Amino acid sequence: MNPYTTSFSSLHTAKIAGKQAPHKAVLLLSIMDLVEAGIITSPRIEMTEALEGTFAKVWKRYIGTSIIFTPKVATPFWHLQNEPFYRLYMNNGRLINGGTGRYSIPWLRENTYAMLDDKLFHLMQDENARAELRVTLVSTYLKDLHSRTDSVLSALTLLGLFLHLAA
């Protein structure tokens, strides 16, 4: 079992209307998609157009239009610093440590970058480990959130992830 599975299944998230906020899960899925595509090639994560666009696609795939949550990539980019595997830095190399901060997309793009643990980044490069992490995020934070209340679609999505992991 992947050591980051536990971390991914216990992210510090806001809870609204009885549902855990999906933002961190969507950002992590987006990062993994970009690692898989060869666009992110190091543990350094920057607020780029590619990350924004991928976040929007992943959000649409798993959540669609929500009356509870708004798809804001800046929020998890900032707040993932509260997780043990992600650190946020100012461009001068100073570690950002907590606080509410300013985290608009332009400000984050111009002033910050994030770093993943090296071991996590290497796991994200491995197809099987990546699939296991995806299943954890989807099953923990994203099931039953899509604006389409089609439980068959949710089940098929999870089944596909599990089959990918088993292959």
C-alpha atoms as a PDB file:
ATOM      1  CA  MET A   1       0.000   0.000   0.000  1.00  0.00           C
ATOM      2  CA  ASN A   2       1.173   3.450  -0.918  1.00  0.00           C
ATOM      3  CA  PRO A   3       2.228   5.496   2.170  1.00  0.00           C
ATOM      4  CA  TYR A   4       0.522   8.609   0.801  1.00  0.00           C
ATOM      5  CA  THR A   5      -2.853   6.877   0.587  1.00  0.00           C
ATOM      6  CA  THR A   6      -3.424   7.640   4.276  1.00  0.00           C
ATOM      7  CA  SER A   7      -2.470  11.293   3.809  1.00  0.00           C
ATOM      8  CA  PHE A   8      -4.718  11.587   0.760  1.00  0.00           C
ATOM      9  CA  SER A   9      -7.658  10.021   2.609  1.00  0.00           C
ATOM     10  CA  SER A  10      -7.364  12.443   5.537  1.00  0.00           C
ATOM     11  CA  LEU A  11      -6.849  15.844   3.911  1.00  0.00           C
ATOM     12  CA  HIS A  12      -7.730  18.865   6.027  1.00  0.00           C
ATOM     13  CA  THR A  13     -10.822  20.158   4.246  1.00  0.00           C
ATOM     14  CA  ALA A  14     -13.681  22.518   4.969  1.00  0.00           C
ATOM     15  CA  LYS A  15     -17.063  20.917   5.425  1.00  0.00           C
ATOM     16  CA  ILE A  16     -20.050  22.648   3.875  1.00  0.00           C
ATOM     17  CA  ALA A  17     -23.609  21.285   3.943  1.00  0.00           C
ATOM     18  CA  GLY A  18     -22.248  18.020   5.316  1.00  0.00           C
ATOM     19  CA  LYS A  19     -19.841  17.539   2.394  1.00  0.00           C
ATOM     20  CA  GLN A  20     -16.057  17.792   2.466  1.00  0.00           C
ATOM     21  CA  ALA A  21     -14.718  20.471   0.141  1.00  0.00           C
ATOM     22  CA  PRO A  22     -13.340  18.756  -2.984  1.00  0.00           C
ATOM     23  CA  HIS A  23     -10.813  21.452  -3.953  1.00  0.00           C
ATOM     24  CA  LYS A  24      -7.659  19.780  -2.640  1.00  0.00           C
ATOM     25  CA  ALA A  25      -8.618  16.447  -4.197  1.00  0.00           C
ATOM     26  CA  VAL A  26      -9.298  18.110  -7.554  1.00  0.00           C
ATOM     27  CA  LEU A  27      -5.954  19.944  -7.435  1.00  0.00           C
ATOM     28  CA  LEU A  28      -4.060  16.755  -6.592  1.00  0.00           C
ATOM     29  CA  LEU A  29      -5.820  14.896  -9.423  1.00  0.00           C
ATOM     30  CA  SER A  30      -4.915  17.776 -11.740  1.00  0.00           C
ATOM     31  CA  ILE A  31      -1.272  17.639 -10.695  1.00  0.00           C
ATOM     32  CA  MET A  32      -1.229  13.882 -11.327  1.00  0.00           C
ATOM     33  CA  ASP A  33      -2.790  14.381 -14.761  1.00  0.00           C
ATOM     34  CA  LEU A  34      -0.066  16.896 -15.626  1.00  0.00           C
ATOM     35  CA  VAL A  35       2.672  14.598 -14.292  1.00  0.00           C
ATOM     36  CA  GLU A  36       1.261  11.763 -16.386  1.00  0.00           C
ATOM     37  CA  ALA A  37       1.187  14.031 -19.465  1.00  0.00           C
ATOM     38  CA  GLY A  38       4.818  15.038 -18.909  1.00  0.00           C
ATOM     39  CA  ILE A  39       3.919  18.702 -18.352  1.00  0.00           C
ATOM     40  CA  ILE A  40       4.967  18.698 -14.694  1.00  0.00           C
ATOM     41  CA  THR A  41       8.451  17.174 -14.646  1.00  0.00           C
ATOM     42  CA  SER A  42       9.678  17.984 -11.147  1.00  0.00           C
ATOM     43  CA  PRO A  43       8.252  18.296  -7.612  1.00  0.00           C
ATOM     44  CA  ARG A  44       8.033  22.063  -8.144  1.00  0.00           C
ATOM     45  CA  ILE A  45       4.437  23.060  -8.868  1.00  0.00           C
ATOM     46  CA  GLU A  46       3.651  26.487 -10.267  1.00  0.00           C
ATOM     47  CA  MET A  47       0.341  28.200 -10.864  1.00  0.00           C
ATOM     48  CA  THR A  48       0.249  27.910 -14.646  1.00  0.00           C
ATOM     49  CA  GLU A  49      -2.434  28.080 -17.301  1.00  0.00           C
ATOM     50  CA  ALA A  50      -2.024  24.320 -17.744  1.00  0.00           C
ATOM     51  CA  LEU A  51      -2.744  23.741 -14.060  1.00  0.00           C
ATOM     52  CA  GLU A  52      -5.738  26.096 -14.125  1.00  0.00           C
ATOM     53  CA  GLY A  53      -7.155  24.451 -17.244  1.00  0.00           C
ATOM     54  CA  THR A  54      -6.651  20.927 -15.946  1.00  0.00           C
ATOM     55  CA  PHE A  55      -8.248  21.879 -12.614  1.00  0.00           C
ATOM     56  CA  ALA A  56     -11.311  23.164 -14.524  1.00  0.00           C
ATOM     57  CA  LYS A  57     -11.537  19.924 -16.548  1.00  0.00           C
ATOM     58  CA  VAL A  58     -11.188  17.676 -13.503  1.00  0.00           C
ATOM     59  CA  TRP A  59     -13.756  19.784 -11.634  1.00  0.00           C
ATOM     60  CA  LYS A  60     -16.198  19.483 -14.521  1.00  0.00           C
ATOM     61  CA  ARG A  61     -15.647  15.720 -14.764  1.00  0.00           C
ATOM     62  CA  TYR A  62     -16.257  14.979 -11.082  1.00  0.00           C
ATOM     63  CA  ILE A  63     -18.383  17.867  -9.818  1.00  0.00           C
ATOM     64  CA  GLY A  64     -19.944  19.763 -12.687  1.00  0.00           C
ATOM     65  CA  THR A  65     -21.985  22.718 -11.471  1.00  0.00           C
ATOM     66  CA  SER A  66     -22.306  22.757  -7.704  1.00  0.00           C
ATOM     67  CA  ILE A  67     -24.641  24.835  -5.598  1.00  0.00           C
ATOM     68  CA  ILE A  68     -22.286  24.293  -2.662  1.00  0.00           C
ATOM     69  CA  PHE A  69     -18.735  24.613  -4.026  1.00  0.00           C
ATOM     70  CA  THR A  70     -17.047  27.036  -6.425  1.00  0.00           C
ATOM     71  CA  PRO A  71     -14.155  25.811  -8.610  1.00  0.00           C
ATOM     72  CA  LYS A  72     -11.336  28.084  -7.413  1.00  0.00           C
ATOM     73  CA  VAL A  73      -7.876  26.630  -8.056  1.00  0.00           C
ATOM     74  CA  ALA A  74      -6.164  29.305  -5.951  1.00  0.00           C
ATOM     75  CA  THR A  75      -7.826  28.076  -2.765  1.00  0.00           C
ATOM     76  CA  PRO A  76      -6.317  24.572  -2.686  1.00  0.00           C
ATOM     77  CA  PHE A  77      -3.018  25.783  -4.139  1.00  0.00           C
ATOM     78  CA  TRP A  78      -2.699  27.943  -1.005  1.00  0.00           C
ATOM     79  CA  HIS A  79      -4.305  25.642   1.571  1.00  0.00           C
ATOM     80  CA  LEU A  80      -2.496  22.437   0.622  1.00  0.00           C
ATOM     81  CA  GLN A  81       0.387  23.891   2.645  1.00  0.00           C
ATOM     82  CA  ASN A  82      -1.498  22.483   5.645  1.00  0.00           C
ATOM     83  CA  GLU A  83      -0.742  18.965   4.425  1.00  0.00           C
ATOM     84  CA  PRO A  84       2.548  17.227   5.316  1.00  0.00           C
ATOM     85  CA  PHE A  85       3.584  16.499   1.707  1.00  0.00           C
ATOM     86  CA  TYR A  86       3.186  20.008   0.214  1.00  0.00           C
ATOM     87  CA  ARG A  87       5.095  23.189   0.974  1.00  0.00           C
ATOM     88  CA  LEU A  88       4.409  26.655  -0.366  1.00  0.00           C
ATOM     89  CA  TYR A  89       7.225  29.149  -0.969  1.00  0.00           C
ATOM     90  CA  MET A  90       7.622  32.745  -1.972  1.00  0.00           C
ATOM     91  CA  ASN A  91       9.713  33.099  -5.130  1.00  0.00           C
ATOM     92  CA  ASN A  92      12.624  34.303  -2.966  1.00  0.00           C
ATOM     93  CA  GLY A  93      12.693  30.828  -1.349  1.00  0.00           C
ATOM     94  CA  ARG A  94      11.030  31.830   1.933  1.00  0.00           C
ATOM     95  CA  LEU A  95       8.654  29.171   3.211  1.00  0.00           C
ATOM     96  CA  ILE A  96       5.084  30.372   3.658  1.00  0.00           C
ATOM     97  CA  ASN A  97       3.833  28.983   6.901  1.00  0.00           C
ATOM     98  CA  GLY A  98       0.088  29.235   7.434  1.00  0.00           C
ATOM     99  CA  GLY A  99      -1.943  32.369   7.615  1.00  0.00           C
ATOM    100  CA  THR A 100      -4.898  33.374   5.546  1.00  0.00           C
ATOM    101  CA  GLY A 101      -2.737  35.163   3.017  1.00  0.00           C
ATOM    102  CA  ARG A 102      -3.592  36.501  -0.399  1.00  0.00           C
ATOM    103  CA  TYR A 103      -4.177  33.803  -2.869  1.00  0.00           C
ATOM    104  CA  SER A 104      -5.617  35.159  -6.064  1.00  0.00           C
ATOM    105  CA  ILE A 105      -4.432  33.363  -9.175  1.00  0.00           C
ATOM    106  CA  PRO A 106      -2.367  36.330 -10.447  1.00  0.00           C
ATOM    107  CA  TRP A 107      -0.731  36.838  -7.050  1.00  0.00           C
ATOM    108  CA  LEU A 108       0.108  33.139  -6.684  1.00  0.00           C
ATOM    109  CA  ARG A 109       1.445  33.000 -10.242  1.00  0.00           C
ATOM    110  CA  GLU A 110       3.722  36.005  -9.707  1.00  0.00           C
ATOM    111  CA  ASN A 111       4.895  35.342  -6.149  1.00  0.00           C
ATOM    112  CA  THR A 112       4.810  31.653  -5.197  1.00  0.00           C
ATOM    113  CA  TYR A 113       5.549  28.074  -6.061  1.00  0.00           C
ATOM    114  CA  ALA A 114       4.820  24.818  -4.259  1.00  0.00           C
ATOM    115  CA  MET A 115       6.966  21.778  -3.645  1.00  0.00           C
ATOM    116  CA  LEU A 116       5.749  18.213  -3.292  1.00  0.00           C
ATOM    117  CA  ASP A 117       7.701  15.657  -1.296  1.00  0.00           C
ATOM    118  CA  ASP A 118      10.188  14.019  -3.637  1.00  0.00           C
ATOM    119  CA  LYS A 119       8.835  10.562  -2.778  1.00  0.00           C
ATOM    120  CA  LEU A 120       5.257  11.635  -3.573  1.00  0.00           C
ATOM    121  CA  PHE A 121       6.355  13.114  -6.884  1.00  0.00           C
ATOM    122  CA  HIS A 122       8.098   9.855  -7.820  1.00  0.00           C
ATOM    123  CA  LEU A 123       4.968   7.889  -6.895  1.00  0.00           C
ATOM    124  CA  MET A 124       2.914  10.198  -9.112  1.00  0.00           C
ATOM    125  CA  GLN A 125       5.189   9.216 -11.995  1.00  0.00           C
ATOM    126  CA  ASP A 126       4.373   5.530 -11.471  1.00  0.00           C
ATOM    127  CA  GLU A 127       1.168   4.417 -13.211  1.00  0.00           C
ATOM    128  CA  ASN A 128       0.042   1.971 -10.504  1.00  0.00           C
ATOM    129  CA  ALA A 129       0.793   4.275  -7.575  1.00  0.00           C
ATOM    130  CA  ARG A 130      -0.920   7.150  -9.384  1.00  0.00           C
ATOM    131  CA  ALA A 131      -4.010   4.996  -9.964  1.00  0.00           C
ATOM    132  CA  GLU A 132      -4.128   4.054  -6.273  1.00  0.00           C
ATOM    133  CA  LEU A 133      -3.886   7.708  -5.246  1.00  0.00           C
ATOM    134  CA  ARG A 134      -6.627   8.640  -7.725  1.00  0.00           C
ATOM    135  CA  VAL A 135      -8.970   5.978  -6.358  1.00  0.00           C
ATOM    136  CA  THR A 136      -8.362   7.266  -2.833  1.00  0.00           C
ATOM    137  CA  LEU A 137      -9.135  10.877  -3.773  1.00  0.00           C
ATOM    138  CA  VAL A 138     -12.195  10.071  -5.870  1.00  0.00           C
ATOM    139  CA  SER A 139     -13.739   7.640  -3.402  1.00  0.00           C
ATOM    140  CA  THR A 140     -13.050   9.861  -0.380  1.00  0.00           C
ATOM    141  CA  TYR A 141     -13.920  13.341  -1.679  1.00  0.00           C
ATOM    142  CA  LEU A 142     -15.631  13.238  -5.067  1.00  0.00           C
ATOM    143  CA  LYS A 143     -18.179  10.454  -5.144  1.00  0.00           C
ATOM    144  CA  ASP A 144     -21.775  11.675  -5.132  1.00  0.00           C
ATOM    145  CA  LEU A 145     -20.767  15.309  -5.718  1.00  0.00           C
ATOM    146  CA  HIS A 146     -21.447  15.549  -9.446  1.00  0.00           C
ATOM    147  CA  SER A 147     -24.391  17.733 -10.342  1.00  0.00           C
ATOM    148  CA  ARG A 148     -25.748  14.779 -12.321  1.00  0.00           C
ATOM    149  CA  THR A 149     -27.164  12.447  -9.726  1.00  0.00           C
ATOM    150  CA  ASP A 150     -26.368   9.437 -11.849  1.00  0.00           C
ATOM    151  CA  SER A 151     -25.053   6.863  -9.392  1.00  0.00           C
ATOM    152  CA  VAL A 152     -24.310   4.491 -12.283  1.00  0.00           C
ATOM    153  CA  LEU A 153     -21.836   7.024 -13.710  1.00  0.00           C
ATOM    154  CA  SER A 154     -20.151   7.369 -10.304  1.00  0.00           C
ATOM    155  CA  ALA A 155     -19.949   3.597  -9.928  1.00  0.00           C
ATOM    156  CA  LEU A 156     -18.517   3.177 -13.428  1.00  0.00           C
ATOM    157  CA  THR A 157     -15.922   5.882 -12.778  1.00  0.00           C
ATOM    158  CA  LEU A 158     -14.774   4.162  -9.589  1.00  0.00           C
ATOM    159  CA  LEU A 159     -14.867   0.750 -11.280  1.00  0.00           C
ATOM    160  CA  GLY A 160     -12.689   2.097 -14.083  1.00  0.00           C
ATOM    161  CA  LEU A 161     -10.181   3.464 -11.578  1.00  0.00           C
ATOM    162  CA  PHE A 162     -10.084   0.160  -9.689  1.00  0.00           C
ATOM    163  CA  LEU A 163      -9.653  -1.822 -12.919  1.00  0.00           C
ATOM    164  CA  HIS A 164      -6.856   0.520 -13.971  1.00  0.00           C
ATOM    165  CA  LEU A 165      -5.169  -0.077 -10.623  1.00  0.00           C
ATOM    166  CA  ALA A 166      -5.580  -3.861 -10.915  1.00  0.00           C
ATOM    167  CA  ALA A 167      -4.147  -3.992 -14.444  1.00  0.00           C
END
